[in-house]
Structures are given as structure tokens and as C-alpha cells.
PDB file of all heavy atoms in Angstrom:
ATOM      1  N   ASN A   1     -24.487  14.464   8.725  1.00  0.00           N
ATOM      2  CA  ASN A   1     -24.489  15.937   8.735  1.00  0.00           C
ATOM      3  C   ASN A   1     -23.071  16.474   8.535  1.00  0.00           C
ATOM      4  O   ASN A   1     -22.885  17.486   7.814  1.00  0.00           O
ATOM      5  CB  ASN A   1     -25.065  16.452  10.056  1.00  0.00           C
ATOM      6  CG  ASN A   1     -26.560  16.271  10.152  1.00  0.00           C
ATOM      7  OD1 ASN A   1     -27.231  16.166   9.111  1.00  0.00           O
ATOM      8  ND2 ASN A   1     -27.063  16.190  11.355  1.00  0.00           N
ATOM      9  N   LEU A   2     -22.101  15.860   9.151  1.00  0.00           N
ATOM     10  CA  LEU A   2     -20.714  16.300   9.004  1.00  0.00           C
ATOM     11  C   LEU A   2     -20.245  16.143   7.570  1.00  0.00           C
ATOM     12  O   LEU A   2     -19.578  17.012   7.024  1.00  0.00           O
ATOM     13  CB  LEU A   2     -19.814  15.518   9.981  1.00  0.00           C
ATOM     14  CG  LEU A   2     -18.396  15.964  10.164  1.00  0.00           C
ATOM     15  CD1 LEU A   2     -18.356  17.414  10.641  1.00  0.00           C
ATOM     16  CD2 LEU A   2     -17.705  15.041  11.152  1.00  0.00           C
ATOM     17  N   PHE A   3     -20.588  15.003   6.942  1.00  0.00           N
ATOM     18  CA  PHE A   3     -20.180  14.791   5.547  1.00  0.00           C
ATOM     19  C   PHE A   3     -20.811  15.840   4.637  1.00  0.00           C
ATOM     20  O   PHE A   3     -20.137  16.450   3.787  1.00  0.00           O
ATOM     21  CB  PHE A   3     -20.558  13.388   5.089  1.00  0.00           C
ATOM     22  CG  PHE A   3     -20.155  13.079   3.681  1.00  0.00           C
ATOM     23  CD1 PHE A   3     -18.817  12.894   3.375  1.00  0.00           C
ATOM     24  CD2 PHE A   3     -21.084  12.988   2.686  1.00  0.00           C
ATOM     25  CE1 PHE A   3     -18.426  12.604   2.072  1.00  0.00           C
ATOM     26  CE2 PHE A   3     -20.725  12.703   1.392  1.00  0.00           C
ATOM     27  CZ  PHE A   3     -19.387  12.533   1.074  1.00  0.00           C
ATOM     28  N   PHE A   4     -22.113  16.084   4.795  1.00  0.00           N
ATOM     29  CA  PHE A   4     -22.756  17.052   3.927  1.00  0.00           C
ATOM     30  C   PHE A   4     -22.287  18.493   4.229  1.00  0.00           C
ATOM     31  O   PHE A   4     -22.226  19.308   3.321  1.00  0.00           O
ATOM     32  CB  PHE A   4     -24.282  16.930   4.016  1.00  0.00           C
ATOM     33  CG  PHE A   4     -24.825  15.771   3.239  1.00  0.00           C
ATOM     34  CD1 PHE A   4     -25.507  14.751   3.866  1.00  0.00           C
ATOM     35  CD2 PHE A   4     -24.606  15.671   1.893  1.00  0.00           C
ATOM     36  CE1 PHE A   4     -26.014  13.673   3.159  1.00  0.00           C
ATOM     37  CE2 PHE A   4     -25.081  14.566   1.147  1.00  0.00           C
ATOM     38  CZ  PHE A   4     -25.777  13.577   1.777  1.00  0.00           C
ATOM     39  N   ALA A   5     -21.976  18.764   5.460  1.00  0.00           N
ATOM     40  CA  ALA A   5     -21.420  20.076   5.792  1.00  0.00           C
ATOM     41  C   ALA A   5     -20.070  20.260   5.099  1.00  0.00           C
ATOM     42  O   ALA A   5     -19.727  21.369   4.644  1.00  0.00           O
ATOM     43  CB  ALA A   5     -21.301  20.242   7.297  1.00  0.00           C
ATOM     44  N   SER A   6     -19.276  19.209   5.017  1.00  0.00           N
ATOM     45  CA  SER A   6     -17.990  19.310   4.320  1.00  0.00           C
ATOM     46  C   SER A   6     -18.185  19.503   2.826  1.00  0.00           C
ATOM     47  O   SER A   6     -17.392  20.176   2.174  1.00  0.00           O
ATOM     48  CB  SER A   6     -17.103  18.091   4.599  1.00  0.00           C
ATOM     49  OG  SER A   6     -17.536  16.968   3.885  1.00  0.00           O
ATOM     50  N   LEU A   7     -19.255  18.924   2.278  1.00  0.00           N
ATOM     51  CA  LEU A   7     -19.542  19.173   0.851  1.00  0.00           C
ATOM     52  C   LEU A   7     -19.921  20.610   0.616  1.00  0.00           C
ATOM     53  O   LEU A   7     -19.490  21.232  -0.391  1.00  0.00           O
ATOM     54  CB  LEU A   7     -20.668  18.239   0.365  1.00  0.00           C
ATOM     55  CG  LEU A   7     -20.340  16.751   0.240  1.00  0.00           C
ATOM     56  CD1 LEU A   7     -21.574  15.989  -0.176  1.00  0.00           C
ATOM     57  CD2 LEU A   7     -19.217  16.556  -0.740  1.00  0.00           C
ATOM     58  N   ILE A   8     -20.706  21.183   1.492  1.00  0.00           N
ATOM     59  CA  ILE A   8     -21.072  22.599   1.383  1.00  0.00           C
ATOM     60  C   ILE A   8     -19.828  23.459   1.582  1.00  0.00           C
ATOM     61  O   ILE A   8     -19.647  24.479   0.886  1.00  0.00           O
ATOM     62  CB  ILE A   8     -22.194  22.970   2.377  1.00  0.00           C
ATOM     63  CG1 ILE A   8     -23.499  22.259   1.968  1.00  0.00           C
ATOM     64  CG2 ILE A   8     -22.375  24.461   2.444  1.00  0.00           C
ATOM     65  CD1 ILE A   8     -24.610  22.366   2.994  1.00  0.00           C
ATOM     66  N   GLY A   9     -18.970  23.092   2.503  1.00  0.00           N
ATOM     67  CA  GLY A   9     -17.731  23.814   2.735  1.00  0.00           C
ATOM     68  C   GLY A   9     -16.792  23.794   1.565  1.00  0.00           C
ATOM     69  O   GLY A   9     -15.975  24.704   1.391  1.00  0.00           O
ATOM     70  N   SER A  10     -16.935  22.812   0.700  1.00  0.00           N
ATOM     71  CA  SER A  10     -16.084  22.750  -0.494  1.00  0.00           C
ATOM     72  C   SER A  10     -16.348  23.883  -1.452  1.00  0.00           C
ATOM     73  O   SER A  10     -15.508  24.233  -2.277  1.00  0.00           O
ATOM     74  CB  SER A  10     -16.241  21.408  -1.213  1.00  0.00           C
ATOM     75  OG  SER A  10     -17.491  21.303  -1.847  1.00  0.00           O
ATOM     76  N   TRP A  11     -17.532  24.475  -1.333  1.00  0.00           N
ATOM     77  CA  TRP A  11     -17.863  25.628  -2.197  1.00  0.00           C
ATOM     78  C   TRP A  11     -16.985  26.839  -1.892  1.00  0.00           C
ATOM     79  O   TRP A  11     -16.802  27.688  -2.737  1.00  0.00           O
ATOM     80  CB  TRP A  11     -19.314  26.031  -2.001  1.00  0.00           C
ATOM     81  CG  TRP A  11     -20.322  24.997  -2.399  1.00  0.00           C
ATOM     82  CD1 TRP A  11     -20.107  23.839  -3.135  1.00  0.00           C
ATOM     83  CD2 TRP A  11     -21.704  24.984  -2.070  1.00  0.00           C
ATOM     84  NE1 TRP A  11     -21.264  23.173  -3.285  1.00  0.00           N
ATOM     85  CE2 TRP A  11     -22.263  23.829  -2.634  1.00  0.00           C
ATOM     86  CE3 TRP A  11     -22.514  25.864  -1.357  1.00  0.00           C
ATOM     87  CZ2 TRP A  11     -23.622  23.520  -2.523  1.00  0.00           C
ATOM     88  CZ3 TRP A  11     -23.875  25.542  -1.239  1.00  0.00           C
ATOM     89  CH2 TRP A  11     -24.414  24.397  -1.795  1.00  0.00           C
ATOM     90  N   VAL A  12     -16.462  26.886  -0.649  1.00  0.00           N
ATOM     91  CA  VAL A  12     -15.589  28.003  -0.275  1.00  0.00           C
ATOM     92  C   VAL A  12     -14.115  27.567  -0.180  1.00  0.00           C
ATOM     93  O   VAL A  12     -13.307  28.262   0.366  1.00  0.00           O
ATOM     94  CB  VAL A  12     -16.043  28.690   1.048  1.00  0.00           C
ATOM     95  CG1 VAL A  12     -17.376  29.373   0.847  1.00  0.00           C
ATOM     96  CG2 VAL A  12     -16.070  27.698   2.166  1.00  0.00           C
ATOM     97  N   GLY A  13     -13.821  26.382  -0.700  1.00  0.00           N
ATOM     98  CA  GLY A  13     -12.431  25.932  -0.756  1.00  0.00           C
ATOM     99  C   GLY A  13     -11.988  25.007   0.372  1.00  0.00           C
ATOM    100  O   GLY A  13     -10.823  24.638   0.408  1.00  0.00           O
ATOM    101  N   TRP A  14     -12.885  24.631   1.279  1.00  0.00           N
ATOM    102  CA  TRP A  14     -12.471  23.725   2.336  1.00  0.00           C
ATOM    103  C   TRP A  14     -12.424  22.298   1.785  1.00  0.00           C
ATOM    104  O   TRP A  14     -13.109  21.970   0.823  1.00  0.00           O
ATOM    105  CB  TRP A  14     -13.456  23.774   3.525  1.00  0.00           C
ATOM    106  CG  TRP A  14     -13.511  25.096   4.196  1.00  0.00           C
ATOM    107  CD1 TRP A  14     -12.619  26.132   4.110  1.00  0.00           C
ATOM    108  CD2 TRP A  14     -14.501  25.544   5.127  1.00  0.00           C
ATOM    109  NE1 TRP A  14     -12.978  27.198   4.898  1.00  0.00           N
ATOM    110  CE2 TRP A  14     -14.148  26.845   5.538  1.00  0.00           C
ATOM    111  CE3 TRP A  14     -15.657  24.970   5.654  1.00  0.00           C
ATOM    112  CZ2 TRP A  14     -14.882  27.587   6.452  1.00  0.00           C
ATOM    113  CZ3 TRP A  14     -16.400  25.702   6.535  1.00  0.00           C
ATOM    114  CH2 TRP A  14     -16.030  26.992   6.942  1.00  0.00           C
ATOM    115  N   PRO A  15     -11.643  21.411   2.406  1.00  0.00           N
ATOM    116  CA  PRO A  15     -11.531  20.052   1.894  1.00  0.00           C
ATOM    117  C   PRO A  15     -12.795  19.234   2.226  1.00  0.00           C
ATOM    118  O   PRO A  15     -13.484  19.489   3.238  1.00  0.00           O
ATOM    119  CB  PRO A  15     -10.337  19.475   2.653  1.00  0.00           C
ATOM    120  CG  PRO A  15     -10.261  20.278   3.916  1.00  0.00           C
ATOM    121  CD  PRO A  15     -10.734  21.661   3.551  1.00  0.00           C
ATOM    122  N   VAL A  16     -13.119  18.298   1.357  1.00  0.00           N
ATOM    123  CA  VAL A  16     -14.246  17.415   1.586  1.00  0.00           C
ATOM    124  C   VAL A  16     -13.746  16.229   2.430  1.00  0.00           C
ATOM    125  O   VAL A  16     -12.728  15.638   2.162  1.00  0.00           O
ATOM    126  CB  VAL A  16     -14.845  16.880   0.248  1.00  0.00           C
ATOM    127  CG1 VAL A  16     -15.913  15.874   0.482  1.00  0.00           C
ATOM    128  CG2 VAL A  16     -15.340  18.053  -0.588  1.00  0.00           C
ATOM    129  N   LEU A  17     -14.518  15.917   3.474  1.00  0.00           N
ATOM    130  CA  LEU A  17     -14.143  14.800   4.340  1.00  0.00           C
ATOM    131  C   LEU A  17     -14.432  13.469   3.642  1.00  0.00           C
ATOM    132  O   LEU A  17     -15.409  13.360   2.904  1.00  0.00           O
ATOM    133  CB  LEU A  17     -14.914  14.836   5.643  1.00  0.00           C
ATOM    134  CG  LEU A  17     -14.677  16.026   6.559  1.00  0.00           C
ATOM    135  CD1 LEU A  17     -15.589  15.964   7.763  1.00  0.00           C
ATOM    136  CD2 LEU A  17     -13.240  16.074   7.026  1.00  0.00           C
ATOM    137  N   THR A  18     -13.604  12.481   3.914  1.00  0.00           N
ATOM    138  CA  THR A  18     -13.875  11.147   3.395  1.00  0.00           C
ATOM    139  C   THR A  18     -15.005  10.533   4.281  1.00  0.00           C
ATOM    140  O   THR A  18     -15.247  11.005   5.387  1.00  0.00           O
ATOM    141  CB  THR A  18     -12.645  10.260   3.486  1.00  0.00           C
ATOM    142  OG1 THR A  18     -12.312  10.029   4.873  1.00  0.00           O
ATOM    143  CG2 THR A  18     -11.461  10.861   2.728  1.00  0.00           C
ATOM    144  N   PRO A  19     -15.655   9.510   3.767  1.00  0.00           N
ATOM    145  CA  PRO A  19     -16.690   8.866   4.594  1.00  0.00           C
ATOM    146  C   PRO A  19     -16.149   8.347   5.936  1.00  0.00           C
ATOM    147  O   PRO A  19     -16.819   8.400   6.955  1.00  0.00           O
ATOM    148  CB  PRO A  19     -17.202   7.739   3.710  1.00  0.00           C
ATOM    149  CG  PRO A  19     -17.013   8.246   2.331  1.00  0.00           C
ATOM    150  CD  PRO A  19     -15.718   9.016   2.376  1.00  0.00           C
ATOM    151  N   VAL A  20     -14.916   7.841   5.927  1.00  0.00           N
ATOM    152  CA  VAL A  20     -14.320   7.344   7.158  1.00  0.00           C
ATOM    153  C   VAL A  20     -14.105   8.490   8.162  1.00  0.00           C
ATOM    154  O   VAL A  20     -14.408   8.358   9.348  1.00  0.00           O
ATOM    155  CB  VAL A  20     -12.991   6.584   6.878  1.00  0.00           C
ATOM    156  CG1 VAL A  20     -12.285   6.240   8.159  1.00  0.00           C
ATOM    157  CG2 VAL A  20     -13.253   5.370   6.033  1.00  0.00           C
ATOM    158  N   GLN A  21     -13.607   9.607   7.674  1.00  0.00           N
ATOM    159  CA  GLN A  21     -13.423  10.771   8.548  1.00  0.00           C
ATOM    160  C   GLN A  21     -14.752  11.250   9.101  1.00  0.00           C
ATOM    161  O   GLN A  21     -14.863  11.627  10.261  1.00  0.00           O
ATOM    162  CB  GLN A  21     -12.753  11.912   7.792  1.00  0.00           C
ATOM    163  CG  GLN A  21     -11.310  11.645   7.448  1.00  0.00           C
ATOM    164  CD  GLN A  21     -10.738  12.717   6.511  1.00  0.00           C
ATOM    165  OE1 GLN A  21     -11.467  13.255   5.677  1.00  0.00           O
ATOM    166  NE2 GLN A  21      -9.460  12.981   6.647  1.00  0.00           N
ATOM    167  N   SER A  22     -15.798  11.209   8.264  1.00  0.00           N
ATOM    168  CA  SER A  22     -17.116  11.644   8.709  1.00  0.00           C
ATOM    169  C   SER A  22     -17.666  10.698   9.766  1.00  0.00           C
ATOM    170  O   SER A  22     -18.273  11.165  10.748  1.00  0.00           O
ATOM    171  CB  SER A  22     -18.065  11.706   7.509  1.00  0.00           C
ATOM    172  OG  SER A  22     -17.654  12.645   6.585  1.00  0.00           O
ATOM    173  N   VAL A  23     -17.458   9.427   9.601  1.00  0.00           N
ATOM    174  CA  VAL A  23     -17.936   8.465  10.609  1.00  0.00           C
ATOM    175  C   VAL A  23     -17.201   8.639  11.925  1.00  0.00           C
ATOM    176  O   VAL A  23     -17.820   8.652  13.010  1.00  0.00           O
ATOM    177  CB  VAL A  23     -17.788   7.009  10.098  1.00  0.00           C
ATOM    178  CG1 VAL A  23     -17.995   5.995  11.204  1.00  0.00           C
ATOM    179  CG2 VAL A  23     -18.787   6.749   8.976  1.00  0.00           C
ATOM    180  N   LEU A  24     -15.900   8.838  11.835  1.00  0.00           N
ATOM    181  CA  LEU A  24     -15.120   9.044  13.091  1.00  0.00           C
ATOM    182  C   LEU A  24     -15.553  10.349  13.765  1.00  0.00           C
ATOM    183  O   LEU A  24     -15.698  10.403  14.992  1.00  0.00           O
ATOM    184  CB  LEU A  24     -13.624   9.055  12.788  1.00  0.00           C
ATOM    185  CG  LEU A  24     -13.034   7.720  12.344  1.00  0.00           C
ATOM    186  CD1 LEU A  24     -11.571   7.889  11.964  1.00  0.00           C
ATOM    187  CD2 LEU A  24     -13.213   6.658  13.401  1.00  0.00           C
ATOM    188  N   GLY A  25     -15.762  11.384  12.996  1.00  0.00           N
ATOM    189  CA  GLY A  25     -16.286  12.637  13.583  1.00  0.00           C
ATOM    190  C   GLY A  25     -17.664  12.493  14.148  1.00  0.00           C
ATOM    191  O   GLY A  25     -17.990  13.059  15.175  1.00  0.00           O
ATOM    192  N   GLY A  26     -18.484  11.680  13.456  1.00  0.00           N
ATOM    193  CA  GLY A  26     -19.846  11.434  13.955  1.00  0.00           C
ATOM    194  C   GLY A  26     -19.861  10.668  15.269  1.00  0.00           C
ATOM    195  O   GLY A  26     -20.701  10.906  16.130  1.00  0.00           O
ATOM    196  N   LEU A  27     -18.892   9.750  15.419  1.00  0.00           N
ATOM    197  CA  LEU A  27     -18.779   9.041  16.688  1.00  0.00           C
ATOM    198  C   LEU A  27     -18.471   9.974  17.846  1.00  0.00           C
ATOM    199  O   LEU A  27     -18.963   9.795  18.963  1.00  0.00           O
ATOM    200  CB  LEU A  27     -17.717   7.946  16.597  1.00  0.00           C
ATOM    201  CG  LEU A  27     -18.033   6.762  15.685  1.00  0.00           C
ATOM    202  CD1 LEU A  27     -16.821   5.847  15.576  1.00  0.00           C
ATOM    203  CD2 LEU A  27     -19.247   6.019  16.192  1.00  0.00           C
ATOM    204  N   VAL A  28     -17.623  10.957  17.575  1.00  0.00           N
ATOM    205  CA  VAL A  28     -17.268  11.948  18.621  1.00  0.00           C
ATOM    206  C   VAL A  28     -18.378  12.956  18.831  1.00  0.00           C
ATOM    207  O   VAL A  28     -18.793  13.189  19.975  1.00  0.00           O
ATOM    208  CB  VAL A  28     -15.946  12.669  18.225  1.00  0.00           C
ATOM    209  CG1 VAL A  28     -15.639  13.770  19.207  1.00  0.00           C
ATOM    210  CG2 VAL A  28     -14.812  11.665  18.150  1.00  0.00           C
ATOM    211  N   LEU A  29     -18.878  13.537  17.771  1.00  0.00           N
ATOM    212  CA  LEU A  29     -19.933  14.557  17.885  1.00  0.00           C
ATOM    213  C   LEU A  29     -21.279  13.977  18.298  1.00  0.00           C
ATOM    214  O   LEU A  29     -22.153  14.683  18.763  1.00  0.00           O
ATOM    215  CB  LEU A  29     -20.076  15.342  16.601  1.00  0.00           C
ATOM    216  CG  LEU A  29     -18.869  16.198  16.207  1.00  0.00           C
ATOM    217  CD1 LEU A  29     -19.102  16.805  14.830  1.00  0.00           C
ATOM    218  CD2 LEU A  29     -18.632  17.275  17.223  1.00  0.00           C
ATOM    219  N   GLY A  30     -21.422  12.679  18.096  1.00  0.00           N
ATOM    220  CA  GLY A  30     -22.686  12.022  18.495  1.00  0.00           C
ATOM    221  C   GLY A  30     -22.912  11.986  19.981  1.00  0.00           C
ATOM    222  O   GLY A  30     -24.087  11.904  20.413  1.00  0.00           O
ATOM    223  N   VAL A  31     -21.849  12.027  20.761  1.00  0.00           N
ATOM    224  CA  VAL A  31     -22.008  11.931  22.246  1.00  0.00           C
ATOM    225  C   VAL A  31     -22.782  13.130  22.806  1.00  0.00           C
ATOM    226  O   VAL A  31     -23.807  12.957  23.429  1.00  0.00           O
ATOM    227  CB  VAL A  31     -20.627  11.750  22.904  1.00  0.00           C
ATOM    228  CG1 VAL A  31     -20.772  11.809  24.421  1.00  0.00           C
ATOM    229  CG2 VAL A  31     -20.005  10.439  22.512  1.00  0.00           C
ATOM    230  N   PRO A  32     -22.323  14.368  22.587  1.00  0.00           N
ATOM    231  CA  PRO A  32     -23.077  15.492  23.169  1.00  0.00           C
ATOM    232  C   PRO A  32     -24.429  15.682  22.486  1.00  0.00           C
ATOM    233  O   PRO A  32     -25.416  16.054  23.169  1.00  0.00           O
ATOM    234  CB  PRO A  32     -22.178  16.700  22.954  1.00  0.00           C
ATOM    235  CG  PRO A  32     -21.245  16.315  21.868  1.00  0.00           C
ATOM    236  CD  PRO A  32     -21.075  14.828  21.951  1.00  0.00           C
ATOM    237  N   ALA A  33     -24.538  15.400  21.198  1.00  0.00           N
ATOM    238  CA  ALA A  33     -25.808  15.565  20.528  1.00  0.00           C
ATOM    239  C   ALA A  33     -26.839  14.551  21.050  1.00  0.00           C
ATOM    240  O   ALA A  33     -27.993  14.898  21.312  1.00  0.00           O
ATOM    241  CB  ALA A  33     -25.637  15.370  19.024  1.00  0.00           C
ATOM    242  N   THR A  34     -26.409  13.330  21.235  1.00  0.00           N
ATOM    243  CA  THR A  34     -27.314  12.294  21.769  1.00  0.00           C
ATOM    244  C   THR A  34     -27.680  12.562  23.213  1.00  0.00           C
ATOM    245  O   THR A  34     -28.845  12.363  23.620  1.00  0.00           O
ATOM    246  CB  THR A  34     -26.683  10.904  21.642  1.00  0.00           C
ATOM    247  OG1 THR A  34     -26.336  10.686  20.268  1.00  0.00           O
ATOM    248  CG2 THR A  34     -27.616   9.821  22.094  1.00  0.00           C
TER     249      THR A  34
END
């Protein structure tokens, strides 16, 4: 979800996250979501 959100954010000029950044963010954001 974080990776695809960064792709959508690129439409307004935000940077696209790399897969590694997305995985690291998923590890952090996965705790409260889970």
C-alpha cells in the first residue's frame, strides 16, 4: 500500500519510494495496522 501510494503521489510531484523503502515503511506501519 505504501509503494502504490507513493506512485499515486508522483502524480503531484512527490518522490516514488524504492521497494526497500516501502518494505521498511511497511515493517513500521504494519505494527499498528496488525
